Amino acid sequence: MNHTSSTAVDRRPTRGRAGAVLGLTALVAATAFMATAPARAEPLASPTQAHTVDITGSDYQFAIDTHGAVPAGLVQLNFTDSGPAAHQAQLFRLNDGVTFAKFVADLATDRATATSVDSLSAGGVGDLAAPGERSIYQAMQGGTYAVISMVTDSSNTPDFAKGMVAQFTVTGHLTPQQLAALHPAGPVAGVVTANSLSYSVPPVLATGALYRYQDADTQSVHEFLVGRLLPGVTAADAKAWFATLTAPGGPSGPQPFVDSGGFGGVAPGSGGWFCVNMDPGNYVAFDLAPNSTTGAPNATLGMVVGFAVG
């Protein structure tokens, strides 16, 4: 599957979202998660010091290098898609008491249970065409994290059903206040906000700059997926294409953009930072997480916004 010119089914309306059906359940889980952090925790050496985790995706497996133990705190996650197809590295933090084996078993039989009862959506890197590399920063609490790809093939079979699921562990615990105080080194050029069925995105993102992604919706999971528009295609064209994604007979024509990463789905009210290591050009941001009311991918309901990288 070549996402540079993929067919519409590759955009997986059923990715439905196979791994991010969270909604209100995620909010409850997030509250419980924050409450489990102990009142006493060791102070951080530096709020800007990040531990690096490298994740490489291929057809159809992940290779994860944690560079030793990953302490609770700021993590720089580097995702490389070595292809040949497009993949993603979506993270889910397993709820306390849930084993990785249970998560994987539920993912195979009841995906909503795996992603809304067993775990909490925890960010990561969005769909990325191969070959490609993207980096994000996240403040991560201790626990077990599952990494999965929910990109589907032409038969709507998701990557994780072919074995593209892995895990790593973050050790220790921090208080909510300590987590909230974390930030990457260097200036943040701006903020991208997701709320309900809209994004607030600066019209131009600066190449090489660092931006904050924030899900300001307190009820629903959102992701900031990014596609580079094909020559001659506008953001309005892409929005119209998304509107037909779940139509009978499939969408109207091929995917009008190249998967370019972005920030994975996060728990309501949370976020992280992403580096703009994308080529200059015109892009579109979109959200394939299911709407908390209708269940349809948010992009099909209009959550599609254009911007430029320069």
C-alpha atoms as a PDB file:
ATOM      1  CA  MET A   1       0.000   0.000   0.000  1.00  0.00           C
ATOM      2  CA  ASN A   2       1.529   3.250  -1.121  1.00  0.00           C
ATOM      3  CA  HIS A   3      -0.012   6.123   0.817  1.00  0.00           C
ATOM      4  CA  THR A   4       1.440   8.627  -1.595  1.00  0.00           C
ATOM      5  CA  SER A   5      -1.359   7.588  -3.938  1.00  0.00           C
ATOM      6  CA  SER A   6      -3.482   5.333  -1.770  1.00  0.00           C
ATOM      7  CA  THR A   7      -7.111   4.523  -2.310  1.00  0.00           C
ATOM      8  CA  ALA A   8      -9.762   5.816   0.023  1.00  0.00           C
ATOM      9  CA  VAL A   9     -10.134   2.598   1.953  1.00  0.00           C
ATOM     10  CA  ASP A  10      -6.572   3.039   3.132  1.00  0.00           C
ATOM     11  CA  ARG A  11      -7.857   5.981   5.174  1.00  0.00           C
ATOM     12  CA  ARG A  12      -9.848   3.458   7.175  1.00  0.00           C
ATOM     13  CA  PRO A  13     -13.182   4.831   8.281  1.00  0.00           C
ATOM     14  CA  THR A  14     -13.294   1.688  10.415  1.00  0.00           C
ATOM     15  CA  ARG A  15     -10.043   2.637  12.122  1.00  0.00           C
ATOM     16  CA  GLY A  16     -13.075   3.869  14.077  1.00  0.00           C
ATOM     17  CA  ARG A  17     -11.678   3.969  14.853  1.00  0.00           C
ATOM     18  CA  ALA A  18     -10.264   0.663  15.796  1.00  0.00           C
ATOM     19  CA  GLY A  19      -8.158   1.971  18.572  1.00  0.00           C
ATOM     20  CA  ALA A  20      -9.454   5.294  19.751  1.00  0.00           C
ATOM     21  CA  VAL A  21     -13.069   4.815  20.780  1.00  0.00           C
ATOM     22  CA  LEU A  22     -12.670   6.564  24.103  1.00  0.00           C
ATOM     23  CA  GLY A  23     -14.968   9.536  24.580  1.00  0.00           C
ATOM     24  CA  LEU A  24     -16.309   9.959  28.100  1.00  0.00           C
ATOM     25  CA  THR A  25     -14.698   6.723  29.210  1.00  0.00           C
ATOM     26  CA  ALA A  26     -11.296   8.264  28.592  1.00  0.00           C
ATOM     27  CA  LEU A  27     -12.151  11.222  30.778  1.00  0.00           C
ATOM     28  CA  VAL A  28     -13.086   8.928  33.659  1.00  0.00           C
ATOM     29  CA  ALA A  29      -9.933   6.884  33.101  1.00  0.00           C
ATOM     30  CA  ALA A  30      -7.807  10.009  32.965  1.00  0.00           C
ATOM     31  CA  THR A  31      -9.202  11.229  36.280  1.00  0.00           C
ATOM     32  CA  ALA A  32      -8.544   7.868  37.901  1.00  0.00           C
ATOM     33  CA  PHE A  33      -5.059   7.769  36.403  1.00  0.00           C
ATOM     34  CA  MET A  34      -4.090  11.119  37.842  1.00  0.00           C
ATOM     35  CA  ALA A  35      -5.511  10.148  41.213  1.00  0.00           C
ATOM     36  CA  THR A  36      -3.294   7.073  41.439  1.00  0.00           C
ATOM     37  CA  ALA A  37      -0.079   9.120  41.402  1.00  0.00           C
ATOM     38  CA  PRO A  38       1.406   9.114  44.909  1.00  0.00           C
ATOM     39  CA  ALA A  39       1.488  12.353  46.833  1.00  0.00           C
ATOM     40  CA  ARG A  40       5.246  12.083  47.334  1.00  0.00           C
ATOM     41  CA  ALA A  41       7.552  11.807  44.364  1.00  0.00           C
ATOM     42  CA  GLU A  42      11.201  12.560  43.823  1.00  0.00           C
ATOM     43  CA  PRO A  43      11.860  15.928  42.189  1.00  0.00           C
ATOM     44  CA  LEU A  44      13.114  16.021  38.616  1.00  0.00           C
ATOM     45  CA  ALA A  45      16.726  16.871  37.884  1.00  0.00           C
ATOM     46  CA  SER A  46      15.570  19.253  35.157  1.00  0.00           C
ATOM     47  CA  PRO A  47      12.111  20.033  33.758  1.00  0.00           C
ATOM     48  CA  THR A  48      13.596  20.241  30.272  1.00  0.00           C
ATOM     49  CA  GLN A  49      15.635  17.021  30.280  1.00  0.00           C
ATOM     50  CA  ALA A  50      13.997  14.392  28.057  1.00  0.00           C
ATOM     51  CA  HIS A  51      14.638  10.664  27.833  1.00  0.00           C
ATOM     52  CA  THR A  52      14.729   9.363  24.259  1.00  0.00           C
ATOM     53  CA  VAL A  53      12.646   6.438  22.980  1.00  0.00           C
ATOM     54  CA  ASP A  54      13.172   5.382  19.357  1.00  0.00           C
ATOM     55  CA  ILE A  55      10.403   3.431  17.596  1.00  0.00           C
ATOM     56  CA  THR A  56      10.814   2.004  14.101  1.00  0.00           C
ATOM     57  CA  GLY A  57       7.819   0.661  12.188  1.00  0.00           C
ATOM     58  CA  SER A  58       7.828  -1.658   9.200  1.00  0.00           C
ATOM     59  CA  ASP A  59       5.478  -4.171   7.563  1.00  0.00           C
ATOM     60  CA  TYR A  60       4.283  -5.326  10.131  1.00  0.00           C
ATOM     61  CA  GLN A  61       6.226  -4.898  13.333  1.00  0.00           C
ATOM     62  CA  PHE A  62       7.749  -2.370  15.701  1.00  0.00           C
ATOM     63  CA  ALA A  63      11.328  -2.226  16.962  1.00  0.00           C
ATOM     64  CA  ILE A  64      11.625  -0.158  20.161  1.00  0.00           C
ATOM     65  CA  ASP A  65      14.880   1.125  21.660  1.00  0.00           C
ATOM     66  CA  THR A  66      14.285   2.700  25.069  1.00  0.00           C
ATOM     67  CA  HIS A  67      17.994   3.375  25.659  1.00  0.00           C
ATOM     68  CA  GLY A  68      17.727   1.816  29.099  1.00  0.00           C
ATOM     69  CA  ALA A  69      15.045   2.385  31.715  1.00  0.00           C
ATOM     70  CA  VAL A  70      12.548   5.128  30.869  1.00  0.00           C
ATOM     71  CA  PRO A  71      11.836   7.251  33.966  1.00  0.00           C
ATOM     72  CA  ALA A  72       8.508   8.997  34.438  1.00  0.00           C
ATOM     73  CA  GLY A  73       8.902  12.476  33.054  1.00  0.00           C
ATOM     74  CA  LEU A  74       9.533  14.129  29.720  1.00  0.00           C
ATOM     75  CA  VAL A  75      10.084  11.692  26.831  1.00  0.00           C
ATOM     76  CA  GLN A  76      11.264  12.476  23.319  1.00  0.00           C
ATOM     77  CA  LEU A  77       9.657   9.884  21.065  1.00  0.00           C
ATOM     78  CA  ASN A  78      11.224   9.466  17.632  1.00  0.00           C
ATOM     79  CA  PHE A  79       9.200   7.425  15.136  1.00  0.00           C
ATOM     80  CA  THR A  80      10.715   6.136  11.914  1.00  0.00           C
ATOM     81  CA  ASP A  81       8.545   4.472   9.277  1.00  0.00           C
ATOM     82  CA  SER A  82      10.842   2.254   7.253  1.00  0.00           C
ATOM     83  CA  GLY A  83       7.923   1.111   5.134  1.00  0.00           C
ATOM     84  CA  PRO A  84       7.129   0.276   2.577  1.00  0.00           C
ATOM     85  CA  ALA A  85       3.573   1.237   3.651  1.00  0.00           C
ATOM     86  CA  ALA A  86       2.357   4.092   5.841  1.00  0.00           C
ATOM     87  CA  HIS A  87       2.200   3.334   9.574  1.00  0.00           C
ATOM     88  CA  GLN A  88       1.683   5.154  12.857  1.00  0.00           C
ATOM     89  CA  ALA A  89       2.872   4.830  16.462  1.00  0.00           C
ATOM     90  CA  GLN A  90      -0.207   5.448  18.620  1.00  0.00           C
ATOM     91  CA  LEU A  91       0.380   5.015  22.352  1.00  0.00           C
ATOM     92  CA  PHE A  92      -2.031   3.685  24.959  1.00  0.00           C
ATOM     93  CA  ARG A  93      -1.170   3.639  28.666  1.00  0.00           C
ATOM     94  CA  LEU A  94      -2.559   0.442  30.168  1.00  0.00           C
ATOM     95  CA  ASN A  95      -4.720   1.020  33.209  1.00  0.00           C
ATOM     96  CA  ASP A  96      -3.322  -0.277  36.480  1.00  0.00           C
ATOM     97  CA  GLY A  97      -3.897  -4.023  36.769  1.00  0.00           C
ATOM     98  CA  VAL A  98      -4.282  -4.574  33.015  1.00  0.00           C
ATOM     99  CA  THR A  99      -1.616  -6.782  31.451  1.00  0.00           C
ATOM    100  CA  PHE A 100      -0.244  -6.360  27.960  1.00  0.00           C
ATOM    101  CA  ALA A 101      -1.507  -9.871  27.149  1.00  0.00           C
ATOM    102  CA  LYS A 102      -5.070  -8.850  28.061  1.00  0.00           C
ATOM    103  CA  PHE A 103      -4.800  -5.667  26.013  1.00  0.00           C
ATOM    104  CA  VAL A 104      -3.643  -7.618  22.950  1.00  0.00           C
ATOM    105  CA  ALA A 105      -6.363 -10.263  23.403  1.00  0.00           C
ATOM    106  CA  ASP A 106      -9.070  -7.606  23.722  1.00  0.00           C
ATOM    107  CA  LEU A 107      -7.643  -5.725  20.749  1.00  0.00           C
ATOM    108  CA  ALA A 108      -8.214  -8.843  18.648  1.00  0.00           C
ATOM    109  CA  THR A 109     -11.763  -9.530  19.851  1.00  0.00           C
ATOM    110  CA  ASP A 110     -13.219  -6.260  21.169  1.00  0.00           C
ATOM    111  CA  ARG A 111     -11.210  -3.241  20.138  1.00  0.00           C
ATOM    112  CA  ALA A 112     -13.375  -0.771  22.038  1.00  0.00           C
ATOM    113  CA  THR A 113     -12.664  -2.644  25.281  1.00  0.00           C
ATOM    114  CA  ALA A 114      -8.922  -2.584  24.634  1.00  0.00           C
ATOM    115  CA  THR A 115      -8.822   1.128  23.867  1.00  0.00           C
ATOM    116  CA  SER A 116     -11.456   2.519  26.234  1.00  0.00           C
ATOM    117  CA  VAL A 117     -11.599   0.132  29.197  1.00  0.00           C
ATOM    118  CA  ASP A 118      -8.144  -1.438  29.334  1.00  0.00           C
ATOM    119  CA  SER A 119      -6.197   1.709  28.540  1.00  0.00           C
ATOM    120  CA  LEU A 120      -5.970   5.454  28.104  1.00  0.00           C
ATOM    121  CA  SER A 121      -5.070   7.119  24.813  1.00  0.00           C
ATOM    122  CA  ALA A 122      -1.586   8.527  25.329  1.00  0.00           C
ATOM    123  CA  GLY A 123      -0.377  10.308  22.206  1.00  0.00           C
ATOM    124  CA  GLY A 124       2.350   9.202  19.841  1.00  0.00           C
ATOM    125  CA  VAL A 125       2.964   9.948  16.164  1.00  0.00           C
ATOM    126  CA  GLY A 126       0.210   9.977  13.540  1.00  0.00           C
ATOM    127  CA  ASP A 127       0.097   8.218  10.172  1.00  0.00           C
ATOM    128  CA  LEU A 128       3.354   8.635   8.297  1.00  0.00           C
ATOM    129  CA  ALA A 129       4.237   7.664   4.743  1.00  0.00           C
ATOM    130  CA  ALA A 130       7.475   5.761   4.233  1.00  0.00           C
ATOM    131  CA  PRO A 131      10.255   6.513   4.403  1.00  0.00           C
ATOM    132  CA  GLY A 132       9.784   9.145   7.070  1.00  0.00           C
ATOM    133  CA  GLU A 133      10.766  10.302  10.545  1.00  0.00           C
ATOM    134  CA  ARG A 134       8.916  12.430  13.100  1.00  0.00           C
ATOM    135  CA  SER A 135       9.611  13.494  16.698  1.00  0.00           C
ATOM    136  CA  ILE A 136       7.318  14.493  19.528  1.00  0.00           C
ATOM    137  CA  TYR A 137       7.682  15.218  23.252  1.00  0.00           C
ATOM    138  CA  GLN A 138       5.338  13.951  25.954  1.00  0.00           C
ATOM    139  CA  ALA A 139       5.145  14.108  29.736  1.00  0.00           C
ATOM    140  CA  MET A 140       4.694  10.438  30.623  1.00  0.00           C
ATOM    141  CA  GLN A 141       3.549   8.890  33.892  1.00  0.00           C
ATOM    142  CA  GLY A 142       4.911   5.539  34.996  1.00  0.00           C
ATOM    143  CA  GLY A 143       3.208   2.434  33.637  1.00  0.00           C
ATOM    144  CA  THR A 144       3.024   0.048  30.705  1.00  0.00           C
ATOM    145  CA  TYR A 145       2.524   1.595  27.283  1.00  0.00           C
ATOM    146  CA  ALA A 146       1.237  -0.230  24.220  1.00  0.00           C
ATOM    147  CA  VAL A 147       2.312   0.995  20.777  1.00  0.00           C
ATOM    148  CA  ILE A 148       0.000   0.121  17.887  1.00  0.00           C
ATOM    149  CA  SER A 149      -0.640   1.112  14.292  1.00  0.00           C
ATOM    150  CA  MET A 150      -4.262   1.405  13.206  1.00  0.00           C
ATOM    151  CA  VAL A 151      -3.626   2.098   9.525  1.00  0.00           C
ATOM    152  CA  THR A 152      -5.600  -0.354   7.396  1.00  0.00           C
ATOM    153  CA  ASP A 153      -4.998  -2.017   4.063  1.00  0.00           C
ATOM    154  CA  SER A 154      -7.364  -2.179   1.085  1.00  0.00           C
ATOM    155  CA  SER A 155      -9.438  -4.855   2.849  1.00  0.00           C
ATOM    156  CA  ASN A 156      -9.748  -2.682   5.982  1.00  0.00           C
ATOM    157  CA  THR A 157      -7.469  -4.978   7.985  1.00  0.00           C
ATOM    158  CA  PRO A 158      -5.630  -2.865  10.587  1.00  0.00           C
ATOM    159  CA  ASP A 159      -1.869  -3.102  11.024  1.00  0.00           C
ATOM    160  CA  PHE A 160      -2.195  -4.323  14.596  1.00  0.00           C
ATOM    161  CA  ALA A 161      -4.139  -7.380  13.394  1.00  0.00           C
ATOM    162  CA  LYS A 162      -1.000  -8.295  11.451  1.00  0.00           C
ATOM    163  CA  GLY A 163       1.203  -8.048  14.522  1.00  0.00           C
ATOM    164  CA  MET A 164       1.986  -4.345  14.649  1.00  0.00           C
ATOM    165  CA  VAL A 165       1.639  -3.972  18.415  1.00  0.00           C
ATOM    166  CA  ALA A 166       4.423  -3.694  20.993  1.00  0.00           C
ATOM    167  CA  GLN A 167       5.061  -2.402  24.506  1.00  0.00           C
ATOM    168  CA  PHE A 168       7.534  -0.563  26.709  1.00  0.00           C
ATOM    169  CA  THR A 169       7.576   0.457  30.358  1.00  0.00           C
ATOM    170  CA  VAL A 170       7.962   3.820  32.052  1.00  0.00           C
ATOM    171  CA  THR A 171       9.192   3.537  35.640  1.00  0.00           C
ATOM    172  CA  GLY A 172       8.347   5.625  38.685  1.00  0.00           C
ATOM    173  CA  HIS A 173       5.536   8.089  39.392  1.00  0.00           C
ATOM    174  CA  LEU A 174       5.217  11.842  39.420  1.00  0.00           C
ATOM    175  CA  THR A 175       2.541  14.055  40.888  1.00  0.00           C
ATOM    176  CA  PRO A 176       0.126  15.790  38.498  1.00  0.00           C
ATOM    177  CA  GLN A 177       1.843  19.062  39.381  1.00  0.00           C
ATOM    178  CA  GLN A 178       5.241  17.694  38.394  1.00  0.00           C
ATOM    179  CA  LEU A 179       3.899  16.332  35.112  1.00  0.00           C
ATOM    180  CA  ALA A 180       2.264  19.664  34.303  1.00  0.00           C
ATOM    181  CA  ALA A 181       5.545  21.509  34.918  1.00  0.00           C
ATOM    182  CA  LEU A 182       7.460  19.526  32.289  1.00  0.00           C
ATOM    183  CA  HIS A 183       8.387  21.109  28.972  1.00  0.00           C
ATOM    184  CA  PRO A 184      11.021  20.593  26.279  1.00  0.00           C
ATOM    185  CA  ALA A 185      14.108  22.760  26.094  1.00  0.00           C
ATOM    186  CA  GLY A 186      13.911  25.739  23.789  1.00  0.00           C
ATOM    187  CA  PRO A 187      11.125  28.134  22.821  1.00  0.00           C
ATOM    188  CA  VAL A 188       7.664  26.973  21.782  1.00  0.00           C
ATOM    189  CA  ALA A 189       6.646  28.792  18.610  1.00  0.00           C
ATOM    190  CA  GLY A 190       2.892  28.410  19.043  1.00  0.00           C
ATOM    191  CA  VAL A 191      -0.033  26.212  20.045  1.00  0.00           C
ATOM    192  CA  VAL A 192      -2.330  23.960  18.033  1.00  0.00           C
ATOM    193  CA  THR A 193      -5.628  23.348  19.812  1.00  0.00           C
ATOM    194  CA  ALA A 194      -8.325  20.764  19.162  1.00  0.00           C
ATOM    195  CA  ASN A 195     -11.811  21.406  20.514  1.00  0.00           C
ATOM    196  CA  SER A 196     -15.081  19.758  19.537  1.00  0.00           C
ATOM    197  CA  LEU A 197     -15.067  19.663  15.715  1.00  0.00           C
ATOM    198  CA  SER A 198     -12.456  22.336  15.110  1.00  0.00           C
ATOM    199  CA  TYR A 199      -8.760  23.101  15.266  1.00  0.00           C
ATOM    200  CA  SER A 200      -7.017  26.349  16.012  1.00  0.00           C
ATOM    201  CA  VAL A 201      -3.829  26.234  13.929  1.00  0.00           C
ATOM    202  CA  PRO A 202      -1.422  29.047  13.063  1.00  0.00           C
ATOM    203  CA  PRO A 203      -1.749  29.697   9.314  1.00  0.00           C
ATOM    204  CA  VAL A 204       1.962  28.964   8.847  1.00  0.00           C
ATOM    205  CA  LEU A 205       4.061  26.585  10.961  1.00  0.00           C
ATOM    206  CA  ALA A 206       7.759  27.397  10.890  1.00  0.00           C
ATOM    207  CA  THR A 207      10.071  24.670   9.620  1.00  0.00           C
ATOM    208  CA  GLY A 208      12.229  23.283  12.425  1.00  0.00           C
ATOM    209  CA  ALA A 209      10.181  24.931  15.178  1.00  0.00           C
ATOM    210  CA  LEU A 210       8.553  23.330  18.230  1.00  0.00           C
ATOM    211  CA  TYR A 211       4.788  23.619  18.789  1.00  0.00           C
ATOM    212  CA  ARG A 212       2.426  22.578  21.561  1.00  0.00           C
ATOM    213  CA  TYR A 213      -0.541  20.336  20.724  1.00  0.00           C
ATOM    214  CA  GLN A 214      -3.429  20.588  23.192  1.00  0.00           C
ATOM    215  CA  ASP A 215      -6.729  18.701  23.250  1.00  0.00           C
ATOM    216  CA  ALA A 216      -8.907  21.359  24.863  1.00  0.00           C
ATOM    217  CA  ASP A 217     -12.037  19.214  24.597  1.00  0.00           C
ATOM    218  CA  THR A 218     -12.803  17.874  28.084  1.00  0.00           C
ATOM    219  CA  GLN A 219     -15.141  15.182  26.746  1.00  0.00           C
ATOM    220  CA  SER A 220     -13.502  13.563  23.730  1.00  0.00           C
ATOM    221  CA  VAL A 221     -10.247  12.225  22.361  1.00  0.00           C
ATOM    222  CA  HIS A 222      -8.790  14.125  19.411  1.00  0.00           C
ATOM    223  CA  GLU A 223      -5.700  13.642  17.295  1.00  0.00           C
ATOM    224  CA  PHE A 224      -3.775  16.031  15.105  1.00  0.00           C
ATOM    225  CA  LEU A 225      -3.114  14.024  11.953  1.00  0.00           C
ATOM    226  CA  VAL A 226      -1.296  15.815   9.152  1.00  0.00           C
ATOM    227  CA  GLY A 227      -1.244  15.299   5.386  1.00  0.00           C
ATOM    228  CA  ARG A 228       0.731  17.165   2.741  1.00  0.00           C
ATOM    229  CA  LEU A 229      -1.694  18.186   0.004  1.00  0.00           C
ATOM    230  CA  LEU A 230      -0.991  16.905  -3.486  1.00  0.00           C
ATOM    231  CA  PRO A 231      -0.244  19.524  -6.191  1.00  0.00           C
ATOM    232  CA  GLY A 232      -3.363  21.454  -7.178  1.00  0.00           C
ATOM    233  CA  VAL A 233      -5.387  20.212  -4.179  1.00  0.00           C
ATOM    234  CA  THR A 234      -6.814  22.677  -1.654  1.00  0.00           C
ATOM    235  CA  ALA A 235      -7.830  22.198   1.954  1.00  0.00           C
ATOM    236  CA  ALA A 236     -11.451  22.618   0.822  1.00  0.00           C
ATOM    237  CA  ASP A 237     -10.958  19.740  -1.636  1.00  0.00           C
ATOM    238  CA  ALA A 238      -9.610  17.542   1.154  1.00  0.00           C
ATOM    239  CA  LYS A 239     -12.499  18.479   3.429  1.00  0.00           C
ATOM    240  CA  ALA A 240     -14.980  17.539   0.715  1.00  0.00           C
ATOM    241  CA  TRP A 241     -13.161  14.228   0.209  1.00  0.00           C
ATOM    242  CA  PHE A 242     -13.344  13.412   3.915  1.00  0.00           C
ATOM    243  CA  ALA A 243     -17.093  14.095   3.856  1.00  0.00           C
ATOM    244  CA  THR A 244     -17.460  11.126   1.473  1.00  0.00           C
ATOM    245  CA  LEU A 245     -15.175   8.794   3.435  1.00  0.00           C
ATOM    246  CA  THR A 246     -17.981   6.714   4.906  1.00  0.00           C
ATOM    247  CA  ALA A 247     -20.404   7.094   2.005  1.00  0.00           C
ATOM    248  CA  PRO A 248     -21.889   3.967   0.381  1.00  0.00           C
ATOM    249  CA  GLY A 249     -19.447   2.741  -2.220  1.00  0.00           C
ATOM    250  CA  GLY A 250     -16.522   4.523  -0.630  1.00  0.00           C
ATOM    251  CA  PRO A 251     -15.025   7.989  -0.972  1.00  0.00           C
ATOM    252  CA  SER A 252     -14.915  10.052  -4.124  1.00  0.00           C
ATOM    253  CA  GLY A 253     -11.498   9.365  -5.579  1.00  0.00           C
ATOM    254  CA  PRO A 254      -8.049   8.681  -4.166  1.00  0.00           C
ATOM    255  CA  GLN A 255      -6.595  10.206  -1.026  1.00  0.00           C
ATOM    256  CA  PRO A 256      -5.645  13.813  -1.888  1.00  0.00           C
ATOM    257  CA  PHE A 257      -2.659  14.082   0.442  1.00  0.00           C
ATOM    258  CA  VAL A 258       0.438  12.243   1.659  1.00  0.00           C
ATOM    259  CA  ASP A 259       0.405  11.055   5.290  1.00  0.00           C
ATOM    260  CA  SER A 260       2.873  13.300   7.115  1.00  0.00           C
ATOM    261  CA  GLY A 261       2.674  12.388  10.798  1.00  0.00           C
ATOM    262  CA  GLY A 262       1.244  14.706  13.399  1.00  0.00           C
ATOM    263  CA  PHE A 263       0.301  13.975  17.007  1.00  0.00           C
ATOM    264  CA  GLY A 264      -1.607  10.857  18.049  1.00  0.00           C
ATOM    265  CA  GLY A 265      -4.821  10.805  20.059  1.00  0.00           C
ATOM    266  CA  VAL A 266      -4.494  11.993  23.646  1.00  0.00           C
ATOM    267  CA  ALA A 267      -6.773  11.871  26.666  1.00  0.00           C
ATOM    268  CA  PRO A 268      -9.210  14.792  26.879  1.00  0.00           C
ATOM    269  CA  GLY A 269      -7.529  17.882  28.256  1.00  0.00           C
ATOM    270  CA  SER A 270      -3.957  16.686  27.671  1.00  0.00           C
ATOM    271  CA  GLY A 271      -1.349  17.151  24.959  1.00  0.00           C
ATOM    272  CA  GLY A 272       2.343  17.345  24.112  1.00  0.00           C
ATOM    273  CA  TRP A 273       4.781  18.958  21.695  1.00  0.00           C
ATOM    274  CA  PHE A 274       5.766  18.217  18.115  1.00  0.00           C
ATOM    275  CA  CYS A 275       8.678  19.247  15.915  1.00  0.00           C
ATOM    276  CA  VAL A 276       7.903  20.647  12.475  1.00  0.00           C
ATOM    277  CA  ASN A 277      10.378  18.526  10.537  1.00  0.00           C
ATOM    278  CA  MET A 278       8.191  18.610   7.424  1.00  0.00           C
ATOM    279  CA  ASP A 279       9.029  19.962   3.988  1.00  0.00           C
ATOM    280  CA  PRO A 280       7.627  23.395   3.126  1.00  0.00           C
ATOM    281  CA  GLY A 281       4.268  23.243   1.404  1.00  0.00           C
ATOM    282  CA  ASN A 282       0.512  23.162   1.932  1.00  0.00           C
ATOM    283  CA  TYR A 283      -0.923  20.772   4.488  1.00  0.00           C
ATOM    284  CA  VAL A 284      -4.188  19.690   6.027  1.00  0.00           C
ATOM    285  CA  ALA A 285      -4.897  18.699   9.631  1.00  0.00           C
ATOM    286  CA  PHE A 286      -7.633  16.161  10.323  1.00  0.00           C
ATOM    287  CA  ASP A 287      -9.031  13.936  13.058  1.00  0.00           C
ATOM    288  CA  LEU A 288     -10.120  10.336  12.478  1.00  0.00           C
ATOM    289  CA  ALA A 289     -11.108   9.712  16.098  1.00  0.00           C
ATOM    290  CA  PRO A 290     -14.816   8.802  16.403  1.00  0.00           C
ATOM    291  CA  ASN A 291     -17.247  11.530  17.299  1.00  0.00           C
ATOM    292  CA  SER A 292     -18.554  11.017  20.835  1.00  0.00           C
ATOM    293  CA  THR A 293     -22.134  11.551  19.647  1.00  0.00           C
ATOM    294  CA  THR A 294     -22.375   9.948  16.216  1.00  0.00           C
ATOM    295  CA  GLY A 295     -19.395   7.582  16.192  1.00  0.00           C
ATOM    296  CA  ALA A 296     -18.355   8.831  12.744  1.00  0.00           C
ATOM    297  CA  PRO A 297     -14.736   9.931  12.238  1.00  0.00           C
ATOM    298  CA  ASN A 298     -14.532  13.600  13.168  1.00  0.00           C
ATOM    299  CA  ALA A 299     -12.936  14.436   9.828  1.00  0.00           C
ATOM    300  CA  THR A 300     -16.082  13.262   8.025  1.00  0.00           C
ATOM    301  CA  LEU A 301     -18.009  15.797  10.120  1.00  0.00           C
ATOM    302  CA  GLY A 302     -15.785  18.696   9.113  1.00  0.00           C
ATOM    303  CA  MET A 303     -12.775  18.549  11.457  1.00  0.00           C
ATOM    304  CA  VAL A 304     -10.353  19.359   8.658  1.00  0.00           C
ATOM    305  CA  VAL A 305      -8.223  22.527   8.546  1.00  0.00           C
ATOM    306  CA  GLY A 306      -5.578  23.732   6.099  1.00  0.00           C
ATOM    307  CA  PHE A 307      -2.246  25.326   6.984  1.00  0.00           C
ATOM    308  CA  ALA A 308       1.180  25.841   5.467  1.00  0.00           C
ATOM    309  CA  VAL A 309       4.710  24.920   6.476  1.00  0.00           C
ATOM    310  CA  GLY A 310       7.361  27.423   5.567  1.00  0.00           C
END
